[in-house]
Amino acid sequence: MAVYSHSRISSFENCPLQYRYRYIDQIKRDVDGVEALVGKVVHEVLQALYSDLARARAAGAHEFVGMFNRLWRAKVGPTVRIVRENMTLEDYRILGERCIRSFYDGQHPFEGGEVVGCETRVEFGLDPEGRFRILGFIDRIDRVAPGVYEIHDYKTGVLPRAGALKADRQLSLYEIAVREQFEGVREVRHVWHYLAHGKEFDQRRTPEELGRIRLSTIRAIQNIEATAEFPARASALCSWCEYQEICPEWAGKPTASRKALPDAPACDARSGQYLLFGGRPGR
């Protein structure tokens, strides 16, 4: 039985051929997107920060900026790919530093609630029989009052378009998991931290909205499992795809035509999707 994730479903929705290469054929490519690397390192640092809040409160932002730089140097290698011509590795390093410093300064002294989980793995069934299963990793879960929880998600990319968070599937699925995992849940808040911009957004979901998300996700999985043909779907995301060099959609096309469009949408790089920036850097 296949276990799905938000990023796995999104891969099919973005490009069925990418989905086939990644999840069915399981073709491994020796390519790492630099945006994804920034997101991964930032998440590692914030996980370490919340693992010992007493130490974090006393340490200062500089300690975690230093941790970011140590991890960055250890992970940057020849497989890292930069798509945007106006960006360099140093630009991305500075972006990561800014994400860490902005978050630390904005959240200190870190007294928003009781941290009950960081990078928490959740797996659950969308249906009573468990036929449609979802796997995910929640950046952080806080208990802010008896029965009241917050799901925190860290983003290192561009700000969301108007209305985009209202349609967010990922944190809605995570809320379903939180409600199953913890007893006496009365309320769950979805909190997005757009670290490069120092901005935070939060929303709630009604039971009816969660029910619609549950059903629409089941239908999305059913659609995937009923698919026999996996055509390429060209879009602005193609320049960030690790399979572009073997994709028939791009066979014989000159390099210039492979560049990303300036209005390419932002996705979650940490989960293996694409994380794009508008110009200079602002997961």
C-alpha atoms as a PDB file:
ATOM      1  CA  MET A   1       0.000   0.000   0.000  1.00  0.00           C
ATOM      2  CA  ALA A   2       1.463   3.339  -1.059  1.00  0.00           C
ATOM      3  CA  VAL A   3       1.751   6.095   1.528  1.00  0.00           C
ATOM      4  CA  TYR A   4       1.299   9.595   0.146  1.00  0.00           C
ATOM      5  CA  SER A   5       2.418  13.018   1.275  1.00  0.00           C
ATOM      6  CA  HIS A   6       1.440  16.541   0.367  1.00  0.00           C
ATOM      7  CA  SER A   7       4.642  16.915  -1.670  1.00  0.00           C
ATOM      8  CA  ARG A   8       4.070  13.605  -3.464  1.00  0.00           C
ATOM      9  CA  ILE A   9       0.570  14.641  -4.511  1.00  0.00           C
ATOM     10  CA  SER A  10       1.822  18.105  -5.487  1.00  0.00           C
ATOM     11  CA  SER A  11       4.472  16.533  -7.700  1.00  0.00           C
ATOM     12  CA  PHE A  12       1.757  14.745  -9.707  1.00  0.00           C
ATOM     13  CA  GLU A  13      -0.343  17.902  -9.895  1.00  0.00           C
ATOM     14  CA  ASN A  14       2.623  19.933 -11.149  1.00  0.00           C
ATOM     15  CA  CYS A  15       3.899  17.364 -13.654  1.00  0.00           C
ATOM     16  CA  PRO A  16       2.801  13.727 -14.001  1.00  0.00           C
ATOM     17  CA  LEU A  17       6.081  12.776 -15.683  1.00  0.00           C
ATOM     18  CA  GLN A  18       8.113  14.168 -12.799  1.00  0.00           C
ATOM     19  CA  TYR A  19       5.918  12.104 -10.486  1.00  0.00           C
ATOM     20  CA  ARG A  20       6.613   8.975 -12.498  1.00  0.00           C
ATOM     21  CA  TYR A  21      10.381   9.585 -12.550  1.00  0.00           C
ATOM     22  CA  ARG A  22      10.501  10.340  -8.828  1.00  0.00           C
ATOM     23  CA  TYR A  23       8.014   7.934  -7.239  1.00  0.00           C
ATOM     24  CA  ILE A  24       7.411   5.094  -9.690  1.00  0.00           C
ATOM     25  CA  ASP A  25      10.701   4.723 -11.558  1.00  0.00           C
ATOM     26  CA  GLN A  26      12.575   6.144  -8.539  1.00  0.00           C
ATOM     27  CA  ILE A  27      15.247   7.708 -10.704  1.00  0.00           C
ATOM     28  CA  LYS A  28      17.911   9.355  -8.565  1.00  0.00           C
ATOM     29  CA  ARG A  29      19.581  12.484  -9.881  1.00  0.00           C
ATOM     30  CA  ASP A  30      22.858  13.892  -8.598  1.00  0.00           C
ATOM     31  CA  VAL A  31      21.436  17.423  -8.384  1.00  0.00           C
ATOM     32  CA  ASP A  32      20.539  19.537  -5.348  1.00  0.00           C
ATOM     33  CA  GLY A  33      18.624  22.784  -5.738  1.00  0.00           C
ATOM     34  CA  VAL A  34      20.229  25.575  -3.743  1.00  0.00           C
ATOM     35  CA  GLU A  35      16.834  26.862  -2.567  1.00  0.00           C
ATOM     36  CA  ALA A  36      16.070  23.432  -1.131  1.00  0.00           C
ATOM     37  CA  LEU A  37      19.445  23.432   0.602  1.00  0.00           C
ATOM     38  CA  VAL A  38      18.729  26.777   2.272  1.00  0.00           C
ATOM     39  CA  GLY A  39      15.403  25.440   3.516  1.00  0.00           C
ATOM     40  CA  LYS A  40      16.897  22.228   4.872  1.00  0.00           C
ATOM     41  CA  VAL A  41      19.710  23.957   6.763  1.00  0.00           C
ATOM     42  CA  VAL A  42      17.387  26.608   8.214  1.00  0.00           C
ATOM     43  CA  HIS A  43      15.049  23.869   9.437  1.00  0.00           C
ATOM     44  CA  GLU A  44      17.938  21.994  11.075  1.00  0.00           C
ATOM     45  CA  VAL A  45      19.012  25.129  12.933  1.00  0.00           C
ATOM     46  CA  LEU A  46      15.491  25.929  14.167  1.00  0.00           C
ATOM     47  CA  GLN A  47      15.025  22.341  15.300  1.00  0.00           C
ATOM     48  CA  ALA A  48      18.227  22.648  17.331  1.00  0.00           C
ATOM     49  CA  LEU A  49      17.081  25.995  18.735  1.00  0.00           C
ATOM     50  CA  TYR A  50      13.814  24.558  20.045  1.00  0.00           C
ATOM     51  CA  SER A  51      15.474  21.456  21.463  1.00  0.00           C
ATOM     52  CA  ASP A  52      16.867  23.516  24.358  1.00  0.00           C
ATOM     53  CA  LEU A  53      15.007  26.795  24.796  1.00  0.00           C
ATOM     54  CA  ALA A  54      16.744  27.758  28.028  1.00  0.00           C
ATOM     55  CA  ARG A  55      20.068  27.661  26.216  1.00  0.00           C
ATOM     56  CA  ALA A  56      18.614  29.371  23.165  1.00  0.00           C
ATOM     57  CA  ARG A  57      17.284  32.297  25.209  1.00  0.00           C
ATOM     58  CA  ALA A  58      20.721  32.972  26.653  1.00  0.00           C
ATOM     59  CA  ALA A  59      22.788  32.222  23.563  1.00  0.00           C
ATOM     60  CA  GLY A  60      21.831  35.064  21.241  1.00  0.00           C
ATOM     61  CA  ALA A  61      21.100  35.065  17.529  1.00  0.00           C
ATOM     62  CA  HIS A  62      24.798  34.968  16.614  1.00  0.00           C
ATOM     63  CA  GLU A  63      25.161  31.402  17.931  1.00  0.00           C
ATOM     64  CA  PHE A  64      22.452  30.085  15.618  1.00  0.00           C
ATOM     65  CA  VAL A  65      23.695  32.143  12.678  1.00  0.00           C
ATOM     66  CA  GLY A  66      27.056  30.496  13.297  1.00  0.00           C
ATOM     67  CA  MET A  67      25.401  27.077  13.380  1.00  0.00           C
ATOM     68  CA  PHE A  68      23.765  27.841  10.035  1.00  0.00           C
ATOM     69  CA  ASN A  69      27.116  28.753   8.489  1.00  0.00           C
ATOM     70  CA  ARG A  70      28.826  25.615   9.798  1.00  0.00           C
ATOM     71  CA  LEU A  71      26.090  23.397   8.406  1.00  0.00           C
ATOM     72  CA  TRP A  72      26.047  25.350   5.149  1.00  0.00           C
ATOM     73  CA  ARG A  73      29.764  24.881   4.590  1.00  0.00           C
ATOM     74  CA  ALA A  74      29.467  21.160   5.348  1.00  0.00           C
ATOM     75  CA  LYS A  75      26.580  20.614   2.922  1.00  0.00           C
ATOM     76  CA  VAL A  76      27.475  22.815  -0.055  1.00  0.00           C
ATOM     77  CA  GLY A  77      29.052  20.690  -2.760  1.00  0.00           C
ATOM     78  CA  PRO A  78      29.466  20.287  -6.515  1.00  0.00           C
ATOM     79  CA  THR A  79      25.947  18.879  -6.931  1.00  0.00           C
ATOM     80  CA  VAL A  80      24.292  22.128  -5.792  1.00  0.00           C
ATOM     81  CA  ARG A  81      22.576  23.877  -8.695  1.00  0.00           C
ATOM     82  CA  ILE A  82      21.714  27.566  -8.988  1.00  0.00           C
ATOM     83  CA  VAL A  83      19.030  28.407 -11.536  1.00  0.00           C
ATOM     84  CA  ARG A  84      18.632  32.148 -11.146  1.00  0.00           C
ATOM     85  CA  GLU A  85      21.413  33.955 -13.000  1.00  0.00           C
ATOM     86  CA  ASN A  86      21.322  36.970 -10.669  1.00  0.00           C
ATOM     87  CA  MET A  87      22.021  34.824  -7.591  1.00  0.00           C
ATOM     88  CA  THR A  88      25.221  33.316  -6.197  1.00  0.00           C
ATOM     89  CA  LEU A  89      25.967  30.847  -3.422  1.00  0.00           C
ATOM     90  CA  GLU A  90      26.943  33.796  -1.246  1.00  0.00           C
ATOM     91  CA  ASP A  91      23.549  35.407  -1.853  1.00  0.00           C
ATOM     92  CA  TYR A  92      21.843  32.245  -0.646  1.00  0.00           C
ATOM     93  CA  ARG A  93      24.123  31.970   2.389  1.00  0.00           C
ATOM     94  CA  ILE A  94      23.228  35.536   3.346  1.00  0.00           C
ATOM     95  CA  LEU A  95      19.542  34.728   2.827  1.00  0.00           C
ATOM     96  CA  GLY A  96      19.830  31.825   5.269  1.00  0.00           C
ATOM     97  CA  GLU A  97      21.583  34.013   7.815  1.00  0.00           C
ATOM     98  CA  ARG A  98      18.815  36.590   7.528  1.00  0.00           C
ATOM     99  CA  CYS A  99      16.136  33.948   8.025  1.00  0.00           C
ATOM    100  CA  ILE A 100      17.755  32.746  11.243  1.00  0.00           C
ATOM    101  CA  ARG A 101      18.478  36.196  12.659  1.00  0.00           C
ATOM    102  CA  SER A 102      15.032  37.555  11.799  1.00  0.00           C
ATOM    103  CA  PHE A 103      13.292  34.600  13.389  1.00  0.00           C
ATOM    104  CA  TYR A 104      15.410  34.673  16.538  1.00  0.00           C
ATOM    105  CA  ASP A 105      14.951  38.406  17.082  1.00  0.00           C
ATOM    106  CA  GLY A 106      11.232  38.224  16.383  1.00  0.00           C
ATOM    107  CA  GLN A 107      10.489  35.204  18.603  1.00  0.00           C
ATOM    108  CA  HIS A 108      12.860  35.797  21.543  1.00  0.00           C
ATOM    109  CA  PRO A 109      12.340  34.948  24.426  1.00  0.00           C
ATOM    110  CA  PHE A 110      10.394  32.023  22.879  1.00  0.00           C
ATOM    111  CA  GLU A 111       7.501  31.965  25.337  1.00  0.00           C
ATOM    112  CA  GLY A 112       4.621  31.397  22.937  1.00  0.00           C
ATOM    113  CA  GLY A 113       3.666  27.997  24.276  1.00  0.00           C
ATOM    114  CA  GLU A 114       4.837  24.547  25.296  1.00  0.00           C
ATOM    115  CA  VAL A 115       6.737  22.859  22.492  1.00  0.00           C
ATOM    116  CA  VAL A 116       5.396  19.317  22.186  1.00  0.00           C
ATOM    117  CA  GLY A 117       7.186  18.345  18.990  1.00  0.00           C
ATOM    118  CA  CYS A 118       9.753  19.428  16.400  1.00  0.00           C
ATOM    119  CA  GLU A 119      10.075  17.735  13.016  1.00  0.00           C
ATOM    120  CA  THR A 120       7.314  15.429  14.194  1.00  0.00           C
ATOM    121  CA  ARG A 121       6.606  12.482  11.925  1.00  0.00           C
ATOM    122  CA  VAL A 122       2.906  11.797  11.448  1.00  0.00           C
ATOM    123  CA  GLU A 123       1.224   9.023   9.491  1.00  0.00           C
ATOM    124  CA  PHE A 124      -2.520   8.493   9.408  1.00  0.00           C
ATOM    125  CA  GLY A 125      -5.412   7.235   7.323  1.00  0.00           C
ATOM    126  CA  LEU A 126      -7.808   9.551   5.531  1.00  0.00           C
ATOM    127  CA  ASP A 127     -10.542   6.899   5.525  1.00  0.00           C
ATOM    128  CA  PRO A 128     -11.784   4.511   8.240  1.00  0.00           C
ATOM    129  CA  GLU A 129     -10.247   1.497   6.498  1.00  0.00           C
ATOM    130  CA  GLY A 130      -6.812   3.146   6.205  1.00  0.00           C
ATOM    131  CA  ARG A 131      -6.732   2.633   2.450  1.00  0.00           C
ATOM    132  CA  PHE A 132      -5.495   6.174   1.809  1.00  0.00           C
ATOM    133  CA  ARG A 133      -2.568   7.007   4.069  1.00  0.00           C
ATOM    134  CA  ILE A 134      -0.723  10.275   4.525  1.00  0.00           C
ATOM    135  CA  LEU A 135       2.827  10.801   5.791  1.00  0.00           C
ATOM    136  CA  GLY A 136       4.236  14.152   6.863  1.00  0.00           C
ATOM    137  CA  PHE A 137       6.727  15.952   9.079  1.00  0.00           C
ATOM    138  CA  ILE A 138       5.462  18.900  11.109  1.00  0.00           C
ATOM    139  CA  ASP A 139       8.062  21.605  11.694  1.00  0.00           C
ATOM    140  CA  ARG A 140       6.809  22.407  15.189  1.00  0.00           C
ATOM    141  CA  ILE A 141       3.766  21.739  17.367  1.00  0.00           C
ATOM    142  CA  ASP A 142       3.028  23.988  20.364  1.00  0.00           C
ATOM    143  CA  ARG A 143       0.394  23.630  23.076  1.00  0.00           C
ATOM    144  CA  VAL A 144      -0.642  27.185  23.925  1.00  0.00           C
ATOM    145  CA  ALA A 145      -3.551  26.376  26.261  1.00  0.00           C
ATOM    146  CA  PRO A 146      -5.398  23.253  27.403  1.00  0.00           C
ATOM    147  CA  GLY A 147      -6.685  21.657  24.203  1.00  0.00           C
ATOM    148  CA  VAL A 148      -5.317  24.444  21.985  1.00  0.00           C
ATOM    149  CA  TYR A 149      -2.441  23.634  19.618  1.00  0.00           C
ATOM    150  CA  GLU A 150      -0.456  25.494  16.989  1.00  0.00           C
ATOM    151  CA  ILE A 151       1.101  23.916  13.908  1.00  0.00           C
ATOM    152  CA  HIS A 152       4.129  25.978  12.843  1.00  0.00           C
ATOM    153  CA  ASP A 153       5.565  25.883   9.331  1.00  0.00           C
ATOM    154  CA  TYR A 154       8.808  27.613   8.303  1.00  0.00           C
ATOM    155  CA  LYS A 155       9.132  29.154   4.844  1.00  0.00           C
ATOM    156  CA  THR A 156      12.303  30.660   3.360  1.00  0.00           C
ATOM    157  CA  GLY A 157      10.799  31.864   0.067  1.00  0.00           C
ATOM    158  CA  VAL A 158       8.502  34.525  -1.285  1.00  0.00           C
ATOM    159  CA  LEU A 159       5.361  35.699   0.463  1.00  0.00           C
ATOM    160  CA  PRO A 160       2.156  33.841  -0.423  1.00  0.00           C
ATOM    161  CA  ARG A 161      -0.239  35.171  -2.994  1.00  0.00           C
ATOM    162  CA  ALA A 162      -3.557  36.541  -1.752  1.00  0.00           C
ATOM    163  CA  GLY A 163      -5.808  33.671  -0.732  1.00  0.00           C
ATOM    164  CA  ALA A 164      -3.137  30.994  -1.161  1.00  0.00           C
ATOM    165  CA  LEU A 165      -2.985  30.036   2.506  1.00  0.00           C
ATOM    166  CA  LYS A 166      -6.747  29.613   2.682  1.00  0.00           C
ATOM    167  CA  ALA A 167      -6.385  26.854   0.103  1.00  0.00           C
ATOM    168  CA  ASP A 168      -3.372  25.263   1.791  1.00  0.00           C
ATOM    169  CA  ARG A 169      -3.676  21.482   1.949  1.00  0.00           C
ATOM    170  CA  GLN A 170      -0.518  20.596   3.860  1.00  0.00           C
ATOM    171  CA  LEU A 171      -1.256  22.129   7.258  1.00  0.00           C
ATOM    172  CA  SER A 172      -4.894  21.063   7.012  1.00  0.00           C
ATOM    173  CA  LEU A 173      -3.722  17.463   6.700  1.00  0.00           C
ATOM    174  CA  TYR A 174      -1.395  18.031   9.634  1.00  0.00           C
ATOM    175  CA  GLU A 175      -4.320  19.287  11.704  1.00  0.00           C
ATOM    176  CA  ILE A 176      -6.152  16.028  11.031  1.00  0.00           C
ATOM    177  CA  ALA A 177      -3.069  14.216  12.349  1.00  0.00           C
ATOM    178  CA  VAL A 178      -2.797  16.427  15.440  1.00  0.00           C
ATOM    179  CA  ARG A 179      -6.455  15.872  16.286  1.00  0.00           C
ATOM    180  CA  GLU A 180      -5.899  12.127  16.080  1.00  0.00           C
ATOM    181  CA  GLN A 181      -2.637  12.147  18.036  1.00  0.00           C
ATOM    182  CA  PHE A 182      -3.585  14.337  21.000  1.00  0.00           C
ATOM    183  CA  GLU A 183      -6.544  13.970  23.343  1.00  0.00           C
ATOM    184  CA  GLY A 184      -9.019  16.739  24.085  1.00  0.00           C
ATOM    185  CA  VAL A 185      -8.094  18.967  21.132  1.00  0.00           C
ATOM    186  CA  ARG A 186     -10.434  21.963  21.010  1.00  0.00           C
ATOM    187  CA  GLU A 187      -8.667  24.185  18.524  1.00  0.00           C
ATOM    188  CA  VAL A 188      -5.734  23.996  16.119  1.00  0.00           C
ATOM    189  CA  ARG A 189      -4.095  27.086  14.669  1.00  0.00           C
ATOM    190  CA  HIS A 190      -2.038  27.047  11.473  1.00  0.00           C
ATOM    191  CA  VAL A 191       0.976  29.374  11.691  1.00  0.00           C
ATOM    192  CA  TRP A 192       3.284  30.130   8.769  1.00  0.00           C
ATOM    193  CA  HIS A 193       6.609  31.908   9.372  1.00  0.00           C
ATOM    194  CA  TYR A 194       7.945  33.632   6.231  1.00  0.00           C
ATOM    195  CA  LEU A 195      11.422  33.951   7.641  1.00  0.00           C
ATOM    196  CA  ALA A 196      13.129  36.075   4.988  1.00  0.00           C
ATOM    197  CA  HIS A 197      10.435  38.734   5.398  1.00  0.00           C
ATOM    198  CA  GLY A 198       9.930  38.562   9.155  1.00  0.00           C
ATOM    199  CA  LYS A 199       6.198  37.954   8.640  1.00  0.00           C
ATOM    200  CA  GLU A 200       3.800  35.525  10.258  1.00  0.00           C
ATOM    201  CA  PHE A 201       0.337  34.404   9.166  1.00  0.00           C
ATOM    202  CA  ASP A 202      -2.189  32.263  11.010  1.00  0.00           C
ATOM    203  CA  GLN A 203      -5.511  30.665  10.129  1.00  0.00           C
ATOM    204  CA  ARG A 204      -8.068  28.188  11.442  1.00  0.00           C
ATOM    205  CA  ARG A 205     -10.049  25.466   9.689  1.00  0.00           C
ATOM    206  CA  THR A 206     -13.662  24.565  10.397  1.00  0.00           C
ATOM    207  CA  PRO A 207     -14.667  20.896  10.712  1.00  0.00           C
ATOM    208  CA  GLU A 208     -16.431  21.262   7.358  1.00  0.00           C
ATOM    209  CA  GLU A 209     -13.262  22.562   5.714  1.00  0.00           C
ATOM    210  CA  LEU A 210     -11.224  19.704   7.138  1.00  0.00           C
ATOM    211  CA  GLY A 211     -13.800  17.269   5.823  1.00  0.00           C
ATOM    212  CA  ARG A 212     -13.521  18.760   2.343  1.00  0.00           C
ATOM    213  CA  ILE A 213      -9.720  18.571   2.489  1.00  0.00           C
ATOM    214  CA  ARG A 214      -9.931  14.928   3.535  1.00  0.00           C
ATOM    215  CA  LEU A 215     -12.246  14.068   0.617  1.00  0.00           C
ATOM    216  CA  SER A 216     -10.355  16.111  -1.985  1.00  0.00           C
ATOM    217  CA  THR A 217      -7.085  14.464  -0.960  1.00  0.00           C
ATOM    218  CA  ILE A 218      -8.631  11.004  -1.282  1.00  0.00           C
ATOM    219  CA  ARG A 219      -9.861  11.938  -4.762  1.00  0.00           C
ATOM    220  CA  ALA A 220      -6.399  13.224  -5.683  1.00  0.00           C
ATOM    221  CA  ILE A 221      -4.860   9.898  -4.632  1.00  0.00           C
ATOM    222  CA  GLN A 222      -7.521   7.955  -6.515  1.00  0.00           C
ATOM    223  CA  ASN A 223      -6.748  10.015  -9.611  1.00  0.00           C
ATOM    224  CA  ILE A 224      -3.037   9.231  -9.300  1.00  0.00           C
ATOM    225  CA  GLU A 225      -3.651   5.519  -8.832  1.00  0.00           C
ATOM    226  CA  ALA A 226      -5.999   5.404 -11.829  1.00  0.00           C
ATOM    227  CA  THR A 227      -3.455   7.099 -14.100  1.00  0.00           C
ATOM    228  CA  ALA A 228      -1.771   4.996 -16.786  1.00  0.00           C
ATOM    229  CA  GLU A 229      -0.072   7.747 -18.784  1.00  0.00           C
ATOM    230  CA  PHE A 230       2.252  10.293 -17.193  1.00  0.00           C
ATOM    231  CA  PRO A 231       2.851  13.121 -19.687  1.00  0.00           C
ATOM    232  CA  ALA A 232       5.241  15.993 -19.101  1.00  0.00           C
ATOM    233  CA  ARG A 233       3.588  19.279 -18.152  1.00  0.00           C
ATOM    234  CA  ALA A 234       5.795  22.232 -19.032  1.00  0.00           C
ATOM    235  CA  SER A 235       5.617  25.200 -16.673  1.00  0.00           C
ATOM    236  CA  ALA A 236       7.749  27.810 -14.968  1.00  0.00           C
ATOM    237  CA  LEU A 237       8.779  25.100 -12.502  1.00  0.00           C
ATOM    238  CA  CYS A 238      10.727  23.167 -15.146  1.00  0.00           C
ATOM    239  CA  SER A 239      14.005  25.000 -14.577  1.00  0.00           C
ATOM    240  CA  TRP A 240      14.032  23.698 -11.005  1.00  0.00           C
ATOM    241  CA  CYS A 241      13.257  20.102 -11.959  1.00  0.00           C
ATOM    242  CA  GLU A 242      16.057  17.579 -11.457  1.00  0.00           C
ATOM    243  CA  TYR A 243      14.799  15.596 -14.470  1.00  0.00           C
ATOM    244  CA  GLN A 244      14.888  18.352 -17.070  1.00  0.00           C
ATOM    245  CA  GLU A 245      17.924  16.866 -18.832  1.00  0.00           C
ATOM    246  CA  ILE A 246      16.083  13.582 -19.479  1.00  0.00           C
ATOM    247  CA  CYS A 247      12.610  15.033 -20.020  1.00  0.00           C
ATOM    248  CA  PRO A 248      11.261  14.665 -23.597  1.00  0.00           C
ATOM    249  CA  GLU A 249       9.569  18.051 -23.278  1.00  0.00           C
ATOM    250  CA  TRP A 250      13.029  19.679 -23.253  1.00  0.00           C
ATOM    251  CA  ALA A 251      14.864  17.450 -25.734  1.00  0.00           C
ATOM    252  CA  GLY A 252      16.755  19.554 -28.260  1.00  0.00           C
ATOM    253  CA  LYS A 253      15.718  22.896 -26.795  1.00  0.00           C
ATOM    254  CA  PRO A 254      18.445  25.568 -26.426  1.00  0.00           C
ATOM    255  CA  THR A 255      19.679  26.507 -22.985  1.00  0.00           C
ATOM    256  CA  ALA A 256      18.075  29.941 -23.102  1.00  0.00           C
ATOM    257  CA  SER A 257      14.598  28.441 -23.419  1.00  0.00           C
ATOM    258  CA  ARG A 258      15.129  26.429 -20.229  1.00  0.00           C
ATOM    259  CA  LYS A 259      15.330  29.456 -17.948  1.00  0.00           C
ATOM    260  CA  ALA A 260      12.597  29.914 -15.383  1.00  0.00           C
ATOM    261  CA  LEU A 261       9.923  32.495 -15.939  1.00  0.00           C
ATOM    262  CA  PRO A 262      10.024  35.516 -13.591  1.00  0.00           C
ATOM    263  CA  ASP A 263       6.593  34.772 -12.157  1.00  0.00           C
ATOM    264  CA  ALA A 264       7.341  31.167 -11.277  1.00  0.00           C
ATOM    265  CA  PRO A 265       5.220  30.125  -8.270  1.00  0.00           C
ATOM    266  CA  ALA A 266       6.733  29.346  -4.887  1.00  0.00           C
ATOM    267  CA  CYS A 267       6.485  25.877  -3.385  1.00  0.00           C
ATOM    268  CA  ASP A 268       7.954  24.096  -0.385  1.00  0.00           C
ATOM    269  CA  ALA A 269      11.580  23.340  -1.088  1.00  0.00           C
ATOM    270  CA  ARG A 270      12.071  21.447   2.140  1.00  0.00           C
ATOM    271  CA  SER A 271       9.685  18.776   0.945  1.00  0.00           C
ATOM    272  CA  GLY A 272      11.421  18.418  -2.390  1.00  0.00           C
ATOM    273  CA  GLN A 273       9.317  20.936  -4.272  1.00  0.00           C
ATOM    274  CA  TYR A 274      10.470  24.260  -5.674  1.00  0.00           C
ATOM    275  CA  LEU A 275      11.201  27.416  -3.709  1.00  0.00           C
ATOM    276  CA  LEU A 276      11.583  30.479  -5.879  1.00  0.00           C
ATOM    277  CA  PHE A 277      12.460  34.077  -5.229  1.00  0.00           C
ATOM    278  CA  GLY A 278      11.362  37.373  -6.691  1.00  0.00           C
ATOM    279  CA  GLY A 279      14.676  38.998  -7.649  1.00  0.00           C
ATOM    280  CA  ARG A 280      17.193  39.316  -4.855  1.00  0.00           C
ATOM    281  CA  PRO A 281      16.453  37.238  -1.766  1.00  0.00           C
ATOM    282  CA  GLY A 282      13.940  38.896   0.432  1.00  0.00           C
ATOM    283  CA  ARG A 283      11.946  27.956   2.798  1.00  0.00           C
END
